Structure formats: C-alpha cells, structure tokens
Amino acid sequence: MDIVQLCEIGMLVAFGFSWPFNIVKSWRSRTAKGKSVQFEYVVIFGYFIGLVGKIITYHRSGELPWSTWVYIADMMMVLIDVFLYYRNTALDRQETGRE
C-alpha cells in the first residue's frame, strides 16, 4: 500500500466517520423531517463512481486496492440511512393519519 492509497483511505474514513452518528440519529428520531434523500443518493453515486475506479484498477493490474473495502463500507452506511429515511417517512405518514 502506498501513500496515495493511505491518503484516499484517510479521506474515506473521515467521510465515513459521520455516517454511524447519522444512522443513530435517524433511528432514534423516527422522523424524516429535515432529511434530504436526494443528497444521500448523490453521495451513493459518488461512492459508486469510486468503486468503478477500483474495479478498473483491478482489471488493469490484478490488484484490488484496500480502499475498495472502505468505499463499500461507506456506501453500505449511506444505504442504511436511506432505508431509515423511507421507514421514517412511513412513520411520519402514520403520525399525521395518512397511510
């Protein structure tokens, strides 16, 4: 692993560090008010593009960079928060009597 990969992993860990807090907040709040699912889709798209780059690197070099696993972990956390957004949207509808 070289310094470039370490820097990339550091960036991904820094970005990914906030997602567990966001997931807990979404779980506990039980509301989608104030959330932007569109923002989360843009973030997922960004992680997806990063993963495509790692797959291309793998096909060219035969080596799968370690940062690939951090991209996957970060994307999974955002997907969990998206799932909670839809759960909370349903709970918001139930609370207002619209089902």
N, C-alpha and C. Protein backbone atom coordinates (compact mmCIF):
# COMPACT_ATOMS: atom_id res chain seq x y z
N MET A 1 0.86 -1.17 0.00
CA MET A 1 0.00 0.00 0.00
C MET A 1 0.91 1.24 0.00
N ASP A 2 0.61 2.17 -0.88
CA ASP A 2 1.44 3.37 -0.98
C ASP A 2 0.75 4.56 -0.31
N ILE A 3 1.43 5.69 -0.31
CA ILE A 3 0.93 6.89 0.36
C ILE A 3 -0.36 7.40 -0.28
N VAL A 4 -0.49 7.22 -1.58
CA VAL A 4 -1.71 7.67 -2.26
C VAL A 4 -2.92 6.90 -1.75
N GLN A 5 -2.77 5.59 -1.62
CA GLN A 5 -3.87 4.78 -1.09
C GLN A 5 -4.16 5.14 0.36
N LEU A 6 -3.13 5.37 1.15
CA LEU A 6 -3.33 5.76 2.54
C LEU A 6 -4.09 7.07 2.64
N CYS A 7 -3.77 8.02 1.79
CA CYS A 7 -4.48 9.30 1.78
C CYS A 7 -5.94 9.11 1.38
N GLU A 8 -6.17 8.28 0.38
CA GLU A 8 -7.54 8.01 -0.06
C GLU A 8 -8.34 7.31 1.04
N ILE A 9 -7.73 6.34 1.69
CA ILE A 9 -8.40 5.64 2.79
C ILE A 9 -8.69 6.63 3.92
N GLY A 10 -7.74 7.51 4.22
CA GLY A 10 -7.95 8.52 5.26
C GLY A 10 -9.13 9.41 4.94
N MET A 11 -9.25 9.83 3.69
CA MET A 11 -10.38 10.66 3.26
C MET A 11 -11.69 9.91 3.42
N LEU A 12 -11.70 8.65 2.99
CA LEU A 12 -12.92 7.84 3.08
C LEU A 12 -13.33 7.57 4.52
N VAL A 13 -12.34 7.32 5.37
CA VAL A 13 -12.64 7.10 6.79
C VAL A 13 -13.19 8.39 7.42
N ALA A 14 -12.60 9.52 7.06
CA ALA A 14 -13.09 10.79 7.59
C ALA A 14 -14.54 11.04 7.16
N PHE A 15 -14.83 10.82 5.89
CA PHE A 15 -16.21 10.98 5.42
C PHE A 15 -17.13 9.95 6.07
N GLY A 16 -16.65 8.72 6.14
CA GLY A 16 -17.47 7.64 6.68
C GLY A 16 -17.70 7.73 8.17
N PHE A 17 -16.85 8.46 8.88
CA PHE A 17 -16.96 8.56 10.33
C PHE A 17 -18.29 9.16 10.77
N SER A 18 -18.85 10.05 9.96
CA SER A 18 -20.09 10.72 10.34
C SER A 18 -21.33 9.85 10.14
N TRP A 19 -21.26 8.85 9.28
CA TRP A 19 -22.47 8.08 8.96
C TRP A 19 -23.04 7.30 10.13
N PRO A 20 -22.23 6.66 10.97
CA PRO A 20 -22.85 5.97 12.12
C PRO A 20 -23.66 6.92 13.01
N PHE A 21 -23.16 8.15 13.21
CA PHE A 21 -23.90 9.13 14.01
C PHE A 21 -25.21 9.51 13.33
N ASN A 22 -25.15 9.65 12.02
CA ASN A 22 -26.35 9.99 11.25
C ASN A 22 -27.37 8.85 11.31
N ILE A 23 -26.89 7.62 11.23
CA ILE A 23 -27.78 6.45 11.30
C ILE A 23 -28.47 6.39 12.66
N VAL A 24 -27.71 6.58 13.73
CA VAL A 24 -28.30 6.56 15.07
C VAL A 24 -29.33 7.67 15.22
N LYS A 25 -29.01 8.85 14.71
CA LYS A 25 -29.95 9.97 14.79
C LYS A 25 -31.23 9.65 14.02
N SER A 26 -31.09 9.07 12.84
CA SER A 26 -32.27 8.69 12.03
C SER A 26 -33.10 7.63 12.75
N TRP A 27 -32.43 6.67 13.35
CA TRP A 27 -33.12 5.59 14.06
C TRP A 27 -33.90 6.13 15.25
N ARG A 28 -33.26 6.98 16.03
CA ARG A 28 -33.88 7.48 17.26
C ARG A 28 -34.96 8.53 16.99
N SER A 29 -34.75 9.37 16.01
CA SER A 29 -35.69 10.48 15.77
C SER A 29 -37.04 9.99 15.25
N ARG A 30 -37.01 8.89 14.49
CA ARG A 30 -38.22 8.32 13.92
C ARG A 30 -39.00 9.32 13.06
N THR A 31 -38.26 10.24 12.42
CA THR A 31 -38.87 11.19 11.50
C THR A 31 -37.92 11.46 10.35
N ALA A 32 -38.50 11.75 9.19
CA ALA A 32 -37.69 12.09 8.02
C ALA A 32 -37.61 13.60 7.82
N LYS A 33 -38.23 14.34 8.72
CA LYS A 33 -38.23 15.80 8.61
C LYS A 33 -36.80 16.32 8.68
N GLY A 34 -36.46 17.16 7.74
CA GLY A 34 -35.13 17.75 7.70
C GLY A 34 -34.09 16.92 6.97
N LYS A 35 -34.46 15.74 6.49
CA LYS A 35 -33.53 14.87 5.76
C LYS A 35 -33.64 15.12 4.26
N SER A 36 -32.55 14.94 3.57
CA SER A 36 -32.53 15.04 2.12
C SER A 36 -32.07 13.72 1.53
N VAL A 37 -33.04 12.93 1.08
CA VAL A 37 -32.68 11.64 0.48
C VAL A 37 -31.96 11.86 -0.85
N GLN A 38 -32.24 12.98 -1.51
CA GLN A 38 -31.54 13.28 -2.77
C GLN A 38 -30.05 13.45 -2.51
N PHE A 39 -29.70 14.12 -1.42
CA PHE A 39 -28.29 14.27 -1.06
C PHE A 39 -27.64 12.90 -0.86
N GLU A 40 -28.35 12.01 -0.17
CA GLU A 40 -27.79 10.69 0.08
C GLU A 40 -27.61 9.91 -1.21
N TYR A 41 -28.53 10.08 -2.16
CA TYR A 41 -28.36 9.42 -3.45
C TYR A 41 -27.14 9.95 -4.19
N VAL A 42 -26.87 11.24 -4.09
CA VAL A 42 -25.67 11.82 -4.72
C VAL A 42 -24.42 11.23 -4.07
N VAL A 43 -24.42 11.09 -2.75
CA VAL A 43 -23.28 10.51 -2.05
C VAL A 43 -23.07 9.06 -2.49
N ILE A 44 -24.16 8.29 -2.57
CA ILE A 44 -24.06 6.90 -3.03
C ILE A 44 -23.48 6.86 -4.44
N PHE A 45 -23.94 7.75 -5.31
CA PHE A 45 -23.41 7.80 -6.67
C PHE A 45 -21.91 8.08 -6.66
N GLY A 46 -21.47 9.00 -5.80
CA GLY A 46 -20.04 9.30 -5.69
C GLY A 46 -19.23 8.09 -5.26
N TYR A 47 -19.74 7.37 -4.25
CA TYR A 47 -19.05 6.16 -3.82
C TYR A 47 -19.06 5.11 -4.93
N PHE A 48 -20.16 5.01 -5.65
CA PHE A 48 -20.25 4.05 -6.76
C PHE A 48 -19.20 4.35 -7.83
N ILE A 49 -19.05 5.62 -8.18
CA ILE A 49 -18.04 6.01 -9.17
C ILE A 49 -16.64 5.65 -8.66
N GLY A 50 -16.39 5.88 -7.36
CA GLY A 50 -15.10 5.49 -6.78
C GLY A 50 -14.87 3.99 -6.88
N LEU A 51 -15.94 3.21 -6.63
CA LEU A 51 -15.83 1.75 -6.75
C LEU A 51 -15.55 1.32 -8.19
N VAL A 52 -16.16 1.99 -9.14
CA VAL A 52 -15.90 1.67 -10.55
C VAL A 52 -14.42 1.87 -10.85
N GLY A 53 -13.85 2.94 -10.31
CA GLY A 53 -12.41 3.17 -10.49
C GLY A 53 -11.57 2.05 -9.91
N LYS A 54 -11.98 1.54 -8.76
CA LYS A 54 -11.25 0.44 -8.13
C LYS A 54 -11.37 -0.85 -8.94
N ILE A 55 -12.54 -1.08 -9.50
CA ILE A 55 -12.75 -2.26 -10.34
C ILE A 55 -11.90 -2.16 -11.61
N ILE A 56 -11.83 -0.97 -12.19
CA ILE A 56 -10.98 -0.76 -13.36
C ILE A 56 -9.52 -1.02 -12.99
N THR A 57 -9.10 -0.51 -11.83
CA THR A 57 -7.72 -0.77 -11.37
C THR A 57 -7.47 -2.26 -11.23
N TYR A 58 -8.44 -2.98 -10.68
CA TYR A 58 -8.30 -4.43 -10.51
C TYR A 58 -8.15 -5.13 -11.86
N HIS A 59 -8.97 -4.73 -12.83
CA HIS A 59 -8.89 -5.38 -14.14
C HIS A 59 -7.58 -5.05 -14.86
N ARG A 60 -7.04 -3.88 -14.62
CA ARG A 60 -5.78 -3.50 -15.27
C ARG A 60 -4.56 -4.10 -14.59
N SER A 61 -4.59 -4.18 -13.25
CA SER A 61 -3.39 -4.58 -12.53
C SER A 61 -3.50 -5.95 -11.85
N GLY A 62 -4.73 -6.43 -11.69
CA GLY A 62 -4.92 -7.68 -10.97
C GLY A 62 -4.89 -7.50 -9.46
N GLU A 63 -4.74 -6.26 -8.99
CA GLU A 63 -4.71 -5.97 -7.56
C GLU A 63 -5.94 -5.16 -7.18
N LEU A 64 -6.59 -5.60 -6.11
CA LEU A 64 -7.74 -4.87 -5.59
C LEU A 64 -7.25 -3.96 -4.47
N PRO A 65 -7.33 -2.64 -4.67
CA PRO A 65 -6.84 -1.72 -3.64
C PRO A 65 -7.62 -1.87 -2.33
N TRP A 66 -6.93 -1.68 -1.20
CA TRP A 66 -7.58 -1.77 0.11
C TRP A 66 -8.71 -0.76 0.26
N SER A 67 -8.57 0.37 -0.39
CA SER A 67 -9.60 1.41 -0.27
C SER A 67 -10.95 0.94 -0.80
N THR A 68 -10.96 -0.09 -1.64
CA THR A 68 -12.21 -0.64 -2.16
C THR A 68 -13.15 -1.00 -1.02
N TRP A 69 -12.61 -1.63 0.01
CA TRP A 69 -13.44 -2.09 1.14
C TRP A 69 -13.99 -0.92 1.94
N VAL A 70 -13.26 0.19 1.98
CA VAL A 70 -13.76 1.36 2.70
C VAL A 70 -14.88 2.02 1.89
N TYR A 71 -14.73 2.06 0.56
CA TYR A 71 -15.83 2.55 -0.28
C TYR A 71 -17.09 1.73 -0.03
N ILE A 72 -16.95 0.42 0.01
CA ILE A 72 -18.11 -0.45 0.22
C ILE A 72 -18.73 -0.21 1.60
N ALA A 73 -17.90 -0.10 2.63
CA ALA A 73 -18.42 0.14 3.98
C ALA A 73 -19.16 1.48 4.06
N ASP A 74 -18.57 2.52 3.47
CA ASP A 74 -19.22 3.84 3.48
C ASP A 74 -20.55 3.80 2.73
N MET A 75 -20.54 3.14 1.58
CA MET A 75 -21.77 3.07 0.79
C MET A 75 -22.86 2.31 1.55
N MET A 76 -22.47 1.25 2.23
CA MET A 76 -23.46 0.47 3.00
C MET A 76 -24.07 1.32 4.11
N MET A 77 -23.27 2.15 4.76
CA MET A 77 -23.80 3.01 5.82
C MET A 77 -24.80 4.02 5.25
N VAL A 78 -24.49 4.58 4.09
CA VAL A 78 -25.42 5.53 3.47
C VAL A 78 -26.70 4.81 3.07
N LEU A 79 -26.58 3.60 2.54
CA LEU A 79 -27.77 2.83 2.18
C LEU A 79 -28.64 2.52 3.40
N ILE A 80 -28.02 2.24 4.53
CA ILE A 80 -28.78 2.03 5.76
C ILE A 80 -29.55 3.30 6.12
N ASP A 81 -28.90 4.45 5.99
CA ASP A 81 -29.57 5.70 6.31
C ASP A 81 -30.70 5.99 5.32
N VAL A 82 -30.53 5.61 4.06
CA VAL A 82 -31.61 5.77 3.08
C VAL A 82 -32.80 4.88 3.47
N PHE A 83 -32.51 3.64 3.86
CA PHE A 83 -33.58 2.75 4.33
C PHE A 83 -34.31 3.38 5.50
N LEU A 84 -33.57 3.97 6.45
CA LEU A 84 -34.21 4.61 7.60
C LEU A 84 -35.02 5.83 7.18
N TYR A 85 -34.57 6.53 6.15
CA TYR A 85 -35.35 7.66 5.64
C TYR A 85 -36.74 7.19 5.21
N TYR A 86 -36.79 6.11 4.46
CA TYR A 86 -38.09 5.61 3.99
C TYR A 86 -38.92 5.05 5.14
N ARG A 87 -38.28 4.40 6.10
CA ARG A 87 -39.01 3.95 7.28
C ARG A 87 -39.60 5.15 8.02
N ASN A 88 -38.78 6.17 8.20
CA ASN A 88 -39.24 7.35 8.93
C ASN A 88 -40.30 8.13 8.17
N THR A 89 -40.22 8.13 6.84
CA THR A 89 -41.26 8.77 6.04
C THR A 89 -42.59 8.06 6.27
N ALA A 90 -42.57 6.74 6.32
CA ALA A 90 -43.79 5.98 6.60
C ALA A 90 -44.31 6.28 8.01
N LEU A 91 -43.41 6.39 8.97
CA LEU A 91 -43.82 6.73 10.34
C LEU A 91 -44.41 8.13 10.40
N ASP A 92 -43.85 9.07 9.63
CA ASP A 92 -44.40 10.43 9.57
C ASP A 92 -45.82 10.41 9.01
N ARG A 93 -46.02 9.60 7.97
CA ARG A 93 -47.37 9.50 7.38
C ARG A 93 -48.36 8.91 8.37
N GLN A 94 -47.95 7.89 9.11
CA GLN A 94 -48.82 7.29 10.12
C GLN A 94 -49.18 8.29 11.20
N GLU A 95 -48.21 9.08 11.60
CA GLU A 95 -48.44 10.07 12.66
C GLU A 95 -49.45 11.12 12.24
N THR A 96 -49.43 11.49 10.96
CA THR A 96 -50.37 12.51 10.50
C THR A 96 -51.69 11.89 10.03
N GLY A 97 -51.80 10.56 10.11
CA GLY A 97 -53.05 9.90 9.76
C GLY A 97 -53.19 9.58 8.29
N ARG A 98 -52.13 9.81 7.51
CA ARG A 98 -52.15 9.47 6.08
C ARG A 98 -51.39 8.19 5.87
N GLU A 99 -52.05 7.19 5.38
CA GLU A 99 -51.35 5.91 5.13
C GLU A 99 -51.35 5.55 3.72
